[in-house]
C-alpha atoms as a PDB file:
ATOM      1  CA  MET A   1      -5.997 -65.200 -22.989  1.00  0.00           C
ATOM      2  CA  LYS A   2      -7.624 -66.329 -26.159  1.00  0.00           C
ATOM      3  CA  ALA A   3      -6.647 -64.360 -29.178  1.00  0.00           C
ATOM      4  CA  ASN A   4      -8.640 -63.685 -32.321  1.00  0.00           C
ATOM      5  CA  VAL A   5      -7.823 -66.980 -34.014  1.00  0.00           C
ATOM      6  CA  GLY A   6     -10.104 -66.600 -36.992  1.00  0.00           C
ATOM      7  CA  ASP A   7      -8.705 -66.866 -40.461  1.00  0.00           C
ATOM      8  CA  PHE A   8      -6.247 -64.249 -41.601  1.00  0.00           C
ATOM      9  CA  GLY A   9      -7.741 -61.716 -43.953  1.00  0.00           C
ATOM     10  CA  THR A  10      -6.927 -61.484 -47.639  1.00  0.00           C
ATOM     11  CA  TYR A  11      -4.441 -58.925 -48.943  1.00  0.00           C
ATOM     12  CA  ARG A  12      -5.162 -57.392 -52.343  1.00  0.00           C
ATOM     13  CA  PRO A  13      -2.693 -55.288 -54.334  1.00  0.00           C
ATOM     14  CA  GLU A  14      -5.259 -52.477 -54.436  1.00  0.00           C
ATOM     15  CA  ASP A  15      -5.044 -52.230 -50.633  1.00  0.00           C
ATOM     16  CA  GLU A  16      -1.864 -50.214 -51.162  1.00  0.00           C
ATOM     17  CA  ARG A  17      -4.106 -47.499 -52.628  1.00  0.00           C
ATOM     18  CA  LEU A  18      -6.664 -45.280 -50.906  1.00  0.00           C
ATOM     19  CA  HIS A  19     -10.131 -46.684 -50.191  1.00  0.00           C
ATOM     20  CA  PRO A  20     -12.683 -44.041 -51.225  1.00  0.00           C
ATOM     21  CA  GLN A  21     -15.555 -46.546 -51.008  1.00  0.00           C
ATOM     22  CA  PHE A  22     -15.789 -45.949 -47.242  1.00  0.00           C
ATOM     23  CA  ARG A  23     -16.101 -42.170 -47.414  1.00  0.00           C
ATOM     24  CA  SER A  24     -19.901 -42.071 -47.647  1.00  0.00           C
ATOM     25  CA  SER A  25     -20.600 -44.484 -44.790  1.00  0.00           C
ATOM     26  CA  VAL A  26     -18.110 -43.932 -41.949  1.00  0.00           C
ATOM     27  CA  GLY A  27     -18.197 -40.179 -41.247  1.00  0.00           C
ATOM     28  CA  THR A  28     -15.621 -37.527 -40.381  1.00  0.00           C
ATOM     29  CA  ALA A  29     -13.623 -39.837 -38.072  1.00  0.00           C
ATOM     30  CA  LEU A  30     -12.731 -42.093 -41.015  1.00  0.00           C
ATOM     31  CA  THR A  31      -8.952 -42.520 -41.335  1.00  0.00           C
ATOM     32  CA  GLU A  32      -6.326 -44.167 -43.497  1.00  0.00           C
ATOM     33  CA  THR A  33      -2.869 -44.752 -42.014  1.00  0.00           C
ATOM     34  CA  HIS A  34       0.607 -45.565 -43.330  1.00  0.00           C
ATOM     35  CA  LEU A  35       3.502 -46.495 -41.020  1.00  0.00           C
ATOM     36  CA  PHE A  36       7.171 -47.023 -41.862  1.00  0.00           C
ATOM     37  CA  GLY A  37      10.173 -46.964 -39.585  1.00  0.00           C
ATOM     38  CA  PHE A  38      13.731 -48.050 -38.999  1.00  0.00           C
ATOM     39  CA  SER A  39      16.269 -48.243 -36.199  1.00  0.00           C
ATOM     40  CA  VAL A  40      19.970 -48.237 -35.444  1.00  0.00           C
ATOM     41  CA  PRO A  41      19.860 -50.441 -32.337  1.00  0.00           C
ATOM     42  CA  GLU A  42      23.535 -50.240 -31.421  1.00  0.00           C
ATOM     43  CA  ALA A  43      23.136 -46.454 -31.132  1.00  0.00           C
ATOM     44  CA  ALA A  44      19.701 -46.620 -29.432  1.00  0.00           C
ATOM     45  CA  ILE A  45      18.100 -44.790 -32.391  1.00  0.00           C
ATOM     46  CA  HIS A  46      14.562 -45.332 -33.616  1.00  0.00           C
ATOM     47  CA  ALA A  47      12.507 -43.672 -36.347  1.00  0.00           C
ATOM     48  CA  MET A  48       8.728 -43.496 -36.655  1.00  0.00           C
ATOM     49  CA  CYS A  49       7.417 -42.292 -40.018  1.00  0.00           C
ATOM     50  CA  TYR A  50       3.639 -42.129 -39.914  1.00  0.00           C
ATOM     51  CA  ILE A  51       0.627 -40.473 -41.468  1.00  0.00           C
ATOM     52  CA  TRP A  52      -3.064 -40.635 -40.791  1.00  0.00           C
ATOM     53  CA  GLN A  53      -5.424 -39.125 -43.326  1.00  0.00           C
ATOM     54  CA  HIS A  54      -8.967 -37.953 -42.595  1.00  0.00           C
ATOM     55  CA  PRO A  55     -10.344 -38.214 -46.141  1.00  0.00           C
ATOM     56  CA  ASN A  56     -13.765 -36.757 -45.310  1.00  0.00           C
ATOM     57  CA  LEU A  57     -12.080 -33.689 -43.807  1.00  0.00           C
ATOM     58  CA  GLY A  58      -9.473 -33.319 -46.555  1.00  0.00           C
ATOM     59  CA  VAL A  59      -6.567 -33.307 -44.106  1.00  0.00           C
ATOM     60  CA  VAL A  60      -3.567 -35.475 -43.305  1.00  0.00           C
ATOM     61  CA  SER A  61      -1.461 -35.453 -40.134  1.00  0.00           C
ATOM     62  CA  GLY A  62       1.880 -37.001 -39.343  1.00  0.00           C
ATOM     63  CA  GLY A  63       5.488 -36.926 -40.417  1.00  0.00           C
ATOM     64  CA  VAL A  64       8.803 -37.977 -38.933  1.00  0.00           C
ATOM     65  CA  LEU A  65      10.209 -38.620 -35.457  1.00  0.00           C
ATOM     66  CA  VAL A  66      13.774 -39.876 -34.999  1.00  0.00           C
ATOM     67  CA  PHE A  67      15.035 -40.093 -31.434  1.00  0.00           C
ATOM     68  CA  GLN A  68      18.101 -41.412 -29.647  1.00  0.00           C
ATOM     69  CA  GLY A  69      17.535 -42.918 -26.222  1.00  0.00           C
ATOM     70  CA  ILE A  70      14.504 -42.133 -24.108  1.00  0.00           C
ATOM     71  CA  LYS A  71      13.052 -38.632 -24.352  1.00  0.00           C
ATOM     72  CA  GLY A  72      10.583 -36.980 -22.003  1.00  0.00           C
ATOM     73  CA  HIS A  73       8.861 -35.131 -24.832  1.00  0.00           C
ATOM     74  CA  ALA A  74       8.538 -35.678 -28.581  1.00  0.00           C
ATOM     75  CA  PRO A  75       9.794 -32.182 -29.518  1.00  0.00           C
ATOM     76  CA  ALA A  76      13.075 -33.149 -27.810  1.00  0.00           C
ATOM     77  CA  ALA A  77      13.664 -35.806 -30.480  1.00  0.00           C
ATOM     78  CA  GLU A  78      16.682 -35.267 -32.718  1.00  0.00           C
ATOM     79  CA  ILE A  79      14.221 -35.087 -35.634  1.00  0.00           C
ATOM     80  CA  SER A  80      10.769 -33.904 -34.566  1.00  0.00           C
ATOM     81  CA  ASP A  81       8.622 -32.975 -37.538  1.00  0.00           C
ATOM     82  CA  PHE A  82       5.037 -34.133 -36.991  1.00  0.00           C
ATOM     83  CA  ARG A  83       2.434 -31.728 -38.335  1.00  0.00           C
ATOM     84  CA  HIS A  84      -1.358 -31.608 -38.047  1.00  0.00           C
ATOM     85  CA  PHE A  85      -3.970 -30.289 -40.464  1.00  0.00           C
ATOM     86  CA  MET A  86      -2.019 -30.485 -43.708  1.00  0.00           C
ATOM     87  CA  SER A  87      -4.041 -30.699 -46.901  1.00  0.00           C
ATOM     88  CA  ASP A  88      -4.355 -34.252 -48.211  1.00  0.00           C
ATOM     89  CA  ALA A  89      -4.097 -33.001 -51.793  1.00  0.00           C
ATOM     90  CA  CYS A  90      -0.535 -34.336 -51.767  1.00  0.00           C
ATOM     91  CA  MET A  91      -1.815 -37.909 -51.707  1.00  0.00           C
ATOM     92  CA  ARG A  92      -5.383 -38.039 -53.077  1.00  0.00           C
ATOM     93  CA  GLU A  93      -4.368 -39.047 -56.597  1.00  0.00           C
ATOM     94  CA  THR A  94      -0.905 -40.534 -56.019  1.00  0.00           C
ATOM     95  CA  PHE A  95      -1.019 -42.614 -52.801  1.00  0.00           C
ATOM     96  CA  PRO A  96       1.042 -44.576 -51.782  1.00  0.00           C
ATOM     97  CA  ASN A  97       3.397 -42.021 -53.350  1.00  0.00           C
ATOM     98  CA  TYR A  98       3.272 -38.663 -51.569  1.00  0.00           C
ATOM     99  CA  ARG A  99       5.347 -35.791 -50.187  1.00  0.00           C
ATOM    100  CA  LEU A 100       4.222 -33.941 -47.064  1.00  0.00           C
ATOM    101  CA  ASP A 101       4.722 -30.231 -46.387  1.00  0.00           C
ATOM    102  CA  SER A 102       7.704 -31.163 -44.207  1.00  0.00           C
ATOM    103  CA  GLY A 103       9.455 -32.814 -47.151  1.00  0.00           C
ATOM    104  CA  TYR A 104       8.914 -36.352 -45.823  1.00  0.00           C
ATOM    105  CA  GLU A 105       8.392 -38.461 -48.937  1.00  0.00           C
ATOM    106  CA  VAL A 106       7.260 -42.030 -49.651  1.00  0.00           C
ATOM    107  CA  ALA A 107       7.645 -43.799 -52.996  1.00  0.00           C
ATOM    108  CA  MET A 108       6.454 -47.297 -53.845  1.00  0.00           C
ATOM    109  CA  LEU A 109       9.229 -48.803 -55.964  1.00  0.00           C
ATOM    110  CA  GLU A 110       7.649 -52.248 -56.397  1.00  0.00           C
ATOM    111  CA  PRO A 111       3.969 -52.804 -55.556  1.00  0.00           C
ATOM    112  CA  GLY A 112       3.582 -54.270 -52.089  1.00  0.00           C
ATOM    113  CA  LYS A 113       7.274 -55.226 -51.903  1.00  0.00           C
ATOM    114  CA  LYS A 114       9.648 -52.275 -51.986  1.00  0.00           C
ATOM    115  CA  PHE A 115       9.356 -48.669 -50.792  1.00  0.00           C
ATOM    116  CA  ARG A 116      11.655 -45.695 -50.282  1.00  0.00           C
ATOM    117  CA  THR A 117      11.316 -43.071 -47.550  1.00  0.00           C
ATOM    118  CA  THR A 118      13.296 -39.828 -47.551  1.00  0.00           C
ATOM    119  CA  TYR A 119      13.527 -36.673 -45.468  1.00  0.00           C
ATOM    120  CA  ALA A 120      15.959 -33.774 -45.143  1.00  0.00           C
ATOM    121  CA  ASP A 121      16.308 -30.840 -42.743  1.00  0.00           C
ATOM    122  CA  THR A 122      19.502 -29.077 -43.816  1.00  0.00           C
ATOM    123  CA  ALA A 123      19.292 -26.446 -41.058  1.00  0.00           C
ATOM    124  CA  ARG A 124      19.557 -29.170 -38.439  1.00  0.00           C
ATOM    125  CA  ARG A 125      21.928 -31.375 -40.453  1.00  0.00           C
ATOM    126  CA  SER A 126      19.465 -34.254 -40.353  1.00  0.00           C
ATOM    127  CA  SER A 127      18.230 -36.518 -43.137  1.00  0.00           C
ATOM    128  CA  PHE A 128      17.569 -40.101 -44.154  1.00  0.00           C
ATOM    129  CA  ASP A 129      17.183 -42.170 -47.294  1.00  0.00           C
ATOM    130  CA  ILE A 130      15.880 -45.681 -46.560  1.00  0.00           C
ATOM    131  CA  THR A 131      14.790 -48.566 -48.764  1.00  0.00           C
ATOM    132  CA  HIS A 132      12.206 -50.907 -47.242  1.00  0.00           C
ATOM    133  CA  THR A 133      12.098 -54.356 -48.873  1.00  0.00           C
ATOM    134  CA  ALA A 134       9.529 -57.017 -47.998  1.00  0.00           C
ATOM    135  CA  VAL A 135      10.682 -60.067 -46.062  1.00  0.00           C
ATOM    136  CA  SER A 136       7.171 -61.479 -45.578  1.00  0.00           C
ATOM    137  CA  GLU A 137       3.889 -61.222 -47.395  1.00  0.00           C
ATOM    138  CA  PRO A 138       1.463 -58.607 -46.023  1.00  0.00           C
ATOM    139  CA  ILE A 139      -0.314 -60.230 -43.057  1.00  0.00           C
ATOM    140  CA  MET A 140      -3.947 -59.136 -43.075  1.00  0.00           C
ATOM    141  CA  TRP A 141      -6.114 -58.963 -39.978  1.00  0.00           C
ATOM    142  CA  PRO A 142      -9.628 -60.454 -40.032  1.00  0.00           C
ATOM    143  CA  GLY A 143     -11.982 -57.909 -41.551  1.00  0.00           C
ATOM    144  CA  ASP A 144      -9.576 -56.947 -44.357  1.00  0.00           C
ATOM    145  CA  LYS A 145      -8.937 -53.383 -43.136  1.00  0.00           C
ATOM    146  CA  HIS A 146      -5.480 -53.631 -41.593  1.00  0.00           C
ATOM    147  CA  PHE A 147      -2.222 -55.419 -42.320  1.00  0.00           C
ATOM    148  CA  GLU A 148       1.389 -55.620 -41.196  1.00  0.00           C
ATOM    149  CA  GLN A 149       4.446 -56.663 -43.191  1.00  0.00           C
ATOM    150  CA  VAL A 150       7.992 -57.509 -42.123  1.00  0.00           C
ATOM    151  CA  MET A 151      10.482 -55.328 -43.999  1.00  0.00           C
ATOM    152  CA  LYS A 152      14.259 -55.207 -44.384  1.00  0.00           C
ATOM    153  CA  THR A 153      15.529 -51.638 -43.978  1.00  0.00           C
ATOM    154  CA  ARG A 154      18.746 -50.352 -45.537  1.00  0.00           C
ATOM    155  CA  GLY A 155      20.084 -46.866 -46.105  1.00  0.00           C
ATOM    156  CA  GLU A 156      21.717 -43.919 -44.400  1.00  0.00           C
ATOM    157  CA  LEU A 157      20.708 -41.605 -41.572  1.00  0.00           C
ATOM    158  CA  GLU A 158      22.255 -38.257 -40.705  1.00  0.00           C
ATOM    159  CA  LEU A 159      21.300 -37.142 -37.220  1.00  0.00           C
ATOM    160  CA  ARG A 160      22.411 -33.662 -36.150  1.00  0.00           C
ATOM    161  CA  GLY A 161      25.495 -33.968 -38.320  1.00  0.00           C
ATOM    162  CA  LYS A 162      26.464 -37.517 -37.401  1.00  0.00           C
ATOM    163  CA  ARG A 163      26.019 -40.294 -39.976  1.00  0.00           C
ATOM    164  CA  TYR A 164      24.779 -43.817 -39.313  1.00  0.00           C
ATOM    165  CA  ALA A 165      24.308 -46.828 -41.571  1.00  0.00           C
ATOM    166  CA  VAL A 166      20.839 -48.368 -41.377  1.00  0.00           C
ATOM    167  CA  ASP A 167      20.716 -52.146 -41.821  1.00  0.00           C
ATOM    168  CA  GLY A 168      17.923 -53.839 -39.923  1.00  0.00           C
ATOM    169  CA  TYR A 169      14.245 -54.717 -39.881  1.00  0.00           C
ATOM    170  CA  HIS A 170      10.907 -53.049 -39.275  1.00  0.00           C
ATOM    171  CA  VAL A 171       7.234 -53.996 -39.505  1.00  0.00           C
ATOM    172  CA  ARG A 172       5.219 -51.623 -41.654  1.00  0.00           C
ATOM    173  CA  ASP A 173       1.548 -51.068 -40.857  1.00  0.00           C
ATOM    174  CA  ARG A 174      -1.415 -49.995 -42.975  1.00  0.00           C
ATOM    175  CA  SER A 175      -5.095 -49.465 -42.066  1.00  0.00           C
ATOM    176  CA  TRP A 176      -8.241 -47.987 -43.610  1.00  0.00           C
ATOM    177  CA  GLY A 177     -12.042 -48.060 -43.642  1.00  0.00           C
ATOM    178  CA  GLN A 178     -12.667 -47.554 -39.912  1.00  0.00           C
ATOM    179  CA  PRO A 179     -13.285 -44.514 -37.699  1.00  0.00           C
ATOM    180  CA  ARG A 180     -10.799 -43.314 -35.097  1.00  0.00           C
ATOM    181  CA  PRO A 181     -12.900 -41.082 -32.853  1.00  0.00           C
ATOM    182  CA  GLU A 182     -11.131 -38.760 -30.435  1.00  0.00           C
ATOM    183  CA  ASP A 183     -13.592 -39.152 -27.540  1.00  0.00           C
ATOM    184  CA  PRO A 184     -12.179 -39.592 -24.028  1.00  0.00           C
ATOM    185  CA  VAL A 185     -11.789 -43.275 -23.102  1.00  0.00           C
ATOM    186  CA  ASP A 186     -11.665 -44.841 -19.638  1.00  0.00           C
ATOM    187  CA  ALA A 187      -9.600 -48.013 -20.101  1.00  0.00           C
ATOM    188  CA  PRO A 188      -6.146 -49.407 -19.329  1.00  0.00           C
ATOM    189  CA  PRO A 189      -3.438 -49.096 -22.006  1.00  0.00           C
ATOM    190  CA  HIS A 190      -3.301 -51.391 -24.987  1.00  0.00           C
ATOM    191  CA  THR A 191      -0.091 -51.896 -26.911  1.00  0.00           C
ATOM    192  CA  TRP A 192       0.861 -52.467 -30.564  1.00  0.00           C
ATOM    193  CA  ILE A 193       4.061 -54.508 -30.436  1.00  0.00           C
ATOM    194  CA  THR A 194       6.379 -55.992 -33.067  1.00  0.00           C
ATOM    195  CA  GLY A 195       9.713 -57.767 -33.052  1.00  0.00           C
ATOM    196  CA  VAL A 196      11.923 -59.119 -35.842  1.00  0.00           C
ATOM    197  CA  PHE A 197      14.816 -61.541 -35.248  1.00  0.00           C
ATOM    198  CA  ASP A 198      15.790 -62.561 -38.791  1.00  0.00           C
ATOM    199  CA  ASP A 199      14.191 -63.204 -42.181  1.00  0.00           C
ATOM    200  CA  GLU A 200      12.173 -66.129 -40.811  1.00  0.00           C
ATOM    201  CA  HIS A 201      11.274 -65.177 -37.224  1.00  0.00           C
ATOM    202  CA  ALA A 202       9.108 -62.237 -36.194  1.00  0.00           C
ATOM    203  CA  PHE A 203       5.950 -61.475 -34.254  1.00  0.00           C
ATOM    204  CA  HIS A 204       3.180 -58.974 -33.740  1.00  0.00           C
ATOM    205  CA  LEU A 205       0.763 -58.608 -30.819  1.00  0.00           C
ATOM    206  CA  THR A 206      -1.865 -55.990 -30.035  1.00  0.00           C
ATOM    207  CA  ALA A 207      -2.977 -56.509 -26.431  1.00  0.00           C
ATOM    208  CA  THR A 208      -3.728 -55.110 -22.992  1.00  0.00           C
ATOM    209  CA  ASP A 209      -1.869 -56.505 -19.983  1.00  0.00           C
ATOM    210  CA  ASP A 210      -3.282 -59.701 -18.517  1.00  0.00           C
ATOM    211  CA  PRO A 211      -5.240 -58.713 -15.373  1.00  0.00           C
ATOM    212  CA  LEU A 212      -4.332 -62.046 -13.719  1.00  0.00           C
ATOM    213  CA  ARG A 213      -0.655 -60.978 -13.721  1.00  0.00           C
ATOM    214  CA  ASN A 214      -1.348 -57.973 -11.472  1.00  0.00           C
ATOM    215  CA  PRO A 215      -0.539 -55.136 -13.898  1.00  0.00           C
ATOM    216  CA  ALA A 216       0.123 -51.642 -12.574  1.00  0.00           C
ATOM    217  CA  TRP A 217      -3.395 -50.492 -13.442  1.00  0.00           C
ATOM    218  CA  ARG A 218      -5.211 -53.445 -11.782  1.00  0.00           C
ATOM    219  CA  GLU A 219      -6.624 -51.563  -8.779  1.00  0.00           C
ATOM    220  CA  HIS A 220      -8.106 -48.877 -11.041  1.00  0.00           C
ATOM    221  CA  TYR A 221      -9.804 -51.366 -13.376  1.00  0.00           C
ATOM    222  CA  PRO A 222     -10.817 -54.319 -11.165  1.00  0.00           C
ATOM    223  CA  ASN A 223     -13.633 -55.312 -13.529  1.00  0.00           C
ATOM    224  CA  PHE A 224     -11.610 -55.343 -16.736  1.00  0.00           C
ATOM    225  CA  ASP A 225     -12.771 -58.257 -18.884  1.00  0.00           C
ATOM    226  CA  ARG A 226      -9.775 -60.550 -19.358  1.00  0.00           C
ATOM    227  CA  SER A 227     -11.320 -62.034 -22.499  1.00  0.00           C
ATOM    228  CA  GLN A 228     -10.856 -58.636 -24.164  1.00  0.00           C
ATOM    229  CA  SER A 229      -7.115 -58.418 -23.476  1.00  0.00           C
ATOM    230  CA  VAL A 230      -5.837 -59.712 -26.811  1.00  0.00           C
ATOM    231  CA  LYS A 231      -7.007 -57.978 -29.960  1.00  0.00           C
ATOM    232  CA  PHE A 232      -4.867 -59.792 -32.542  1.00  0.00           C
ATOM    233  CA  GLY A 233      -1.417 -61.124 -33.246  1.00  0.00           C
ATOM    234  CA  TRP A 234       0.711 -63.441 -35.352  1.00  0.00           C
ATOM    235  CA  LEU A 235       4.060 -65.191 -35.400  1.00  0.00           C
ATOM    236  CA  LEU A 236       6.482 -65.770 -38.240  1.00  0.00           C
ATOM    237  CA  VAL A 237       8.175 -69.077 -37.401  1.00  0.00           C
ATOM    238  CA  GLY A 238      10.565 -70.622 -39.880  1.00  0.00           C
ATOM    239  CA  GLY A 239       9.255 -68.211 -42.483  1.00  0.00           C
ATOM    240  CA  ARG A 240       5.619 -69.332 -42.072  1.00  0.00           C
ATOM    241  CA  LYS A 241       2.910 -67.130 -40.573  1.00  0.00           C
ATOM    242  CA  THR A 242       1.200 -68.711 -37.585  1.00  0.00           C
ATOM    243  CA  ARG A 243      -1.911 -67.790 -35.635  1.00  0.00           C
ATOM    244  CA  ILE A 244      -1.758 -67.020 -31.932  1.00  0.00           C
ATOM    245  CA  LYS A 245      -4.063 -69.244 -29.885  1.00  0.00           C
ATOM    246  CA  THR A 246      -3.554 -67.576 -26.498  1.00  0.00           C
ATOM    247  CA  ALA A 247      -1.356 -64.742 -25.267  1.00  0.00           C
ATOM    248  CA  SER A 248      -0.603 -63.051 -21.952  1.00  0.00           C
ATOM    249  CA  LYS A 249       1.315 -59.765 -21.624  1.00  0.00           C
ATOM    250  CA  LEU A 250       2.699 -57.900 -18.616  1.00  0.00           C
ATOM    251  CA  THR A 251       4.299 -54.442 -18.840  1.00  0.00           C
ATOM    252  CA  THR A 252       6.575 -52.801 -16.297  1.00  0.00           C
ATOM    253  CA  TYR A 253       6.229 -49.005 -16.384  1.00  0.00           C
ATOM    254  CA  ASP A 254       8.454 -46.245 -15.112  1.00  0.00           C
ATOM    255  CA  ARG A 255       6.371 -44.922 -12.214  1.00  0.00           C
ATOM    256  CA  VAL A 256       7.174 -41.282 -12.953  1.00  0.00           C
ATOM    257  CA  THR A 257       7.029 -41.097 -16.752  1.00  0.00           C
ATOM    258  CA  CYS A 258       4.559 -43.954 -17.451  1.00  0.00           C
ATOM    259  CA  MET A 259       6.942 -45.185 -20.154  1.00  0.00           C
ATOM    260  CA  PRO A 260       6.700 -48.956 -20.820  1.00  0.00           C
ATOM    261  CA  MET A 261      10.211 -50.108 -19.902  1.00  0.00           C
ATOM    262  CA  GLN A 262       9.901 -53.913 -19.975  1.00  0.00           C
ATOM    263  CA  ILE A 263       7.379 -56.304 -21.511  1.00  0.00           C
ATOM    264  CA  ASP A 264       6.993 -60.026 -20.851  1.00  0.00           C
ATOM    265  CA  ILE A 265       4.865 -62.004 -23.322  1.00  0.00           C
ATOM    266  CA  GLN A 266       3.702 -65.610 -23.149  1.00  0.00           C
ATOM    267  CA  ILE A 267       2.202 -67.061 -26.343  1.00  0.00           C
ATOM    268  CA  VAL A 268       0.735 -70.397 -27.370  1.00  0.00           C
ATOM    269  CA  ASP A 269       0.365 -70.723 -31.132  1.00  0.00           C
ATOM    270  CA  GLU A 270      -2.175 -72.671 -33.189  1.00  0.00           C
ATOM    271  CA  HIS A 271       0.116 -75.734 -33.081  1.00  0.00           C
ATOM    272  CA  ASP A 272       0.217 -75.599 -29.247  1.00  0.00           C
ATOM    273  CA  ARG A 273       3.849 -74.481 -29.246  1.00  0.00           C
ATOM    274  CA  GLU A 274       4.821 -72.161 -26.406  1.00  0.00           C
ATOM    275  CA  HIS A 275       6.769 -68.949 -27.004  1.00  0.00           C
ATOM    276  CA  ARG A 276       8.255 -66.602 -24.377  1.00  0.00           C
ATOM    277  CA  LEU A 277       9.428 -63.129 -25.378  1.00  0.00           C
ATOM    278  CA  LYS A 278      11.011 -60.486 -23.179  1.00  0.00           C
ATOM    279  CA  GLY A 279      11.490 -56.900 -24.330  1.00  0.00           C
ATOM    280  CA  THR A 280      13.378 -53.914 -22.913  1.00  0.00           C
ATOM    281  CA  LEU A 281      12.833 -50.391 -24.213  1.00  0.00           C
ATOM    282  CA  VAL A 282      16.056 -48.784 -25.479  1.00  0.00           C
ATOM    283  CA  ALA A 283      14.656 -45.677 -27.195  1.00  0.00           C
ATOM    284  CA  GLY A 284      11.294 -43.973 -26.881  1.00  0.00           C
ATOM    285  CA  THR A 285       9.240 -40.832 -26.514  1.00  0.00           C
ATOM    286  CA  PRO A 286       5.577 -40.079 -25.778  1.00  0.00           C
ATOM    287  CA  ILE A 287       3.546 -38.543 -28.598  1.00  0.00           C
ATOM    288  CA  HIS A 288      -0.008 -37.198 -28.825  1.00  0.00           C
ATOM    289  CA  LEU A 289      -1.707 -38.470 -31.949  1.00  0.00           C
ATOM    290  CA  TRP A 290      -4.642 -36.414 -30.696  1.00  0.00           C
ATOM    291  CA  GLN A 291      -5.058 -34.471 -27.446  1.00  0.00           C
ATOM    292  CA  ASN A 292      -7.110 -37.079 -25.575  1.00  0.00           C
ATOM    293  CA  VAL A 293      -4.479 -39.796 -25.947  1.00  0.00           C
ATOM    294  CA  ARG A 294      -0.793 -40.219 -25.108  1.00  0.00           C
ATOM    295  CA  VAL A 295       1.224 -42.869 -26.922  1.00  0.00           C
ATOM    296  CA  PRO A 296       4.755 -43.719 -25.823  1.00  0.00           C
ATOM    297  CA  VAL A 297       6.456 -45.052 -28.963  1.00  0.00           C
ATOM    298  CA  GLY A 298       9.856 -46.652 -29.218  1.00  0.00           C
ATOM    299  CA  VAL A 299      11.999 -49.647 -30.015  1.00  0.00           C
ATOM    300  CA  ALA A 300      12.604 -52.612 -27.720  1.00  0.00           C
ATOM    301  CA  ARG A 301      15.337 -55.206 -27.575  1.00  0.00           C
ATOM    302  CA  TRP A 302      13.625 -58.609 -27.689  1.00  0.00           C
ATOM    303  CA  GLU A 303      14.924 -61.940 -26.407  1.00  0.00           C
ATOM    304  CA  TYR A 304      13.364 -65.090 -27.861  1.00  0.00           C
ATOM    305  CA  GLU A 305      14.732 -68.658 -27.772  1.00  0.00           C
ATOM    306  CA  GLY A 306      18.345 -67.470 -27.789  1.00  0.00           C
ATOM    307  CA  ARG A 307      17.705 -64.888 -30.516  1.00  0.00           C
ATOM    308  CA  ILE A 308      17.976 -61.108 -30.160  1.00  0.00           C
ATOM    309  CA  GLY A 309      15.634 -58.920 -32.177  1.00  0.00           C
ATOM    310  CA  TRP A 310      14.227 -55.411 -32.280  1.00  0.00           C
ATOM    311  CA  GLY A 311      10.783 -53.959 -32.772  1.00  0.00           C
ATOM    312  CA  ASP A 312       8.200 -51.287 -32.100  1.00  0.00           C
ATOM    313  CA  VAL A 313       6.328 -50.597 -28.893  1.00  0.00           C
ATOM    314  CA  GLN A 314       3.343 -48.240 -29.135  1.00  0.00           C
ATOM    315  CA  ASP A 315       1.505 -48.029 -25.806  1.00  0.00           C
ATOM    316  CA  VAL A 316      -1.883 -46.300 -26.155  1.00  0.00           C
ATOM    317  CA  GLN A 317      -2.687 -44.467 -22.918  1.00  0.00           C
ATOM    318  CA  TYR A 318      -5.994 -42.655 -22.507  1.00  0.00           C
ATOM    319  CA  SER A 319      -6.748 -39.627 -20.332  1.00  0.00           C
ATOM    320  CA  ASP A 320      -8.672 -41.336 -17.525  1.00  0.00           C
ATOM    321  CA  TYR A 321      -5.941 -43.946 -17.069  1.00  0.00           C
ATOM    322  CA  LEU A 322      -3.289 -41.217 -16.839  1.00  0.00           C
ATOM    323  CA  LEU A 323      -5.369 -39.288 -14.288  1.00  0.00           C
ATOM    324  CA  LYS A 324      -5.844 -42.380 -12.127  1.00  0.00           C
ATOM    325  CA  ASN A 325      -2.148 -43.187 -12.251  1.00  0.00           C
ATOM    326  CA  GLY A 326      -1.174 -39.691 -11.148  1.00  0.00           C
END
């Protein structure tokens, strides 16, 4: 299906800061988000470090999840420290530098290029200290309110007393200026997906499964508009960012847990080159960013043209879909 193939947006250094200009026009559902992460693939470990601020409410939610393997519930993660309704005073004047009530801390070491994330829970013998260094430029979506950036991650993780070296990749994510209402939604899942293979090859796709490939939800949404399947995506090929012309995704879910276990993606880029990517979830857990949505998050092992890479899977599942799927 055709992707949004308009021009990429334009990144500005000030986009690393908060965007107060939207506070008077968007309403209480206005959010700003900040995502970092890392993984230790050989140990099936993945970390999601995320915040979403509601500037017109004066609150920020989020924190740290680090999990090994596939968990049935987020609180079963080896590090589970997501908190709601914290004051955003910790970030109003200093963002993108901030420290949450949990002790999770972000510092920008070099504008738009290098960051440090830290966390420590001495009672549970768990901590991390990770440096995130840019591999690509920030890749801005059309509309100039969201970007992703491929990062190299290096540092150390202690997980329940056991230490691991971190040396891999992640795609950081940043958004602002738009509402995220919490209303119930009746729609099939859509998925934010990334994968990084080396310094010069990576991808991102935000999409719903292609209804022509008979996804698990097809009988419940027979009138789903296929033209709406792909929201946006990009490829990094040979170090150069490339638009996606068409894309088709199919997810295989665990029938009991609704976890996305395998993903098959077919892409044609703006140069009419074909790309086939196959992912298998190796670590994951469902989280509730708000009560009317369930989001399995995790890391997948990706196969692409003889390369092996790793990247995020965030499968947004709404209440009506979950009810229909039992």
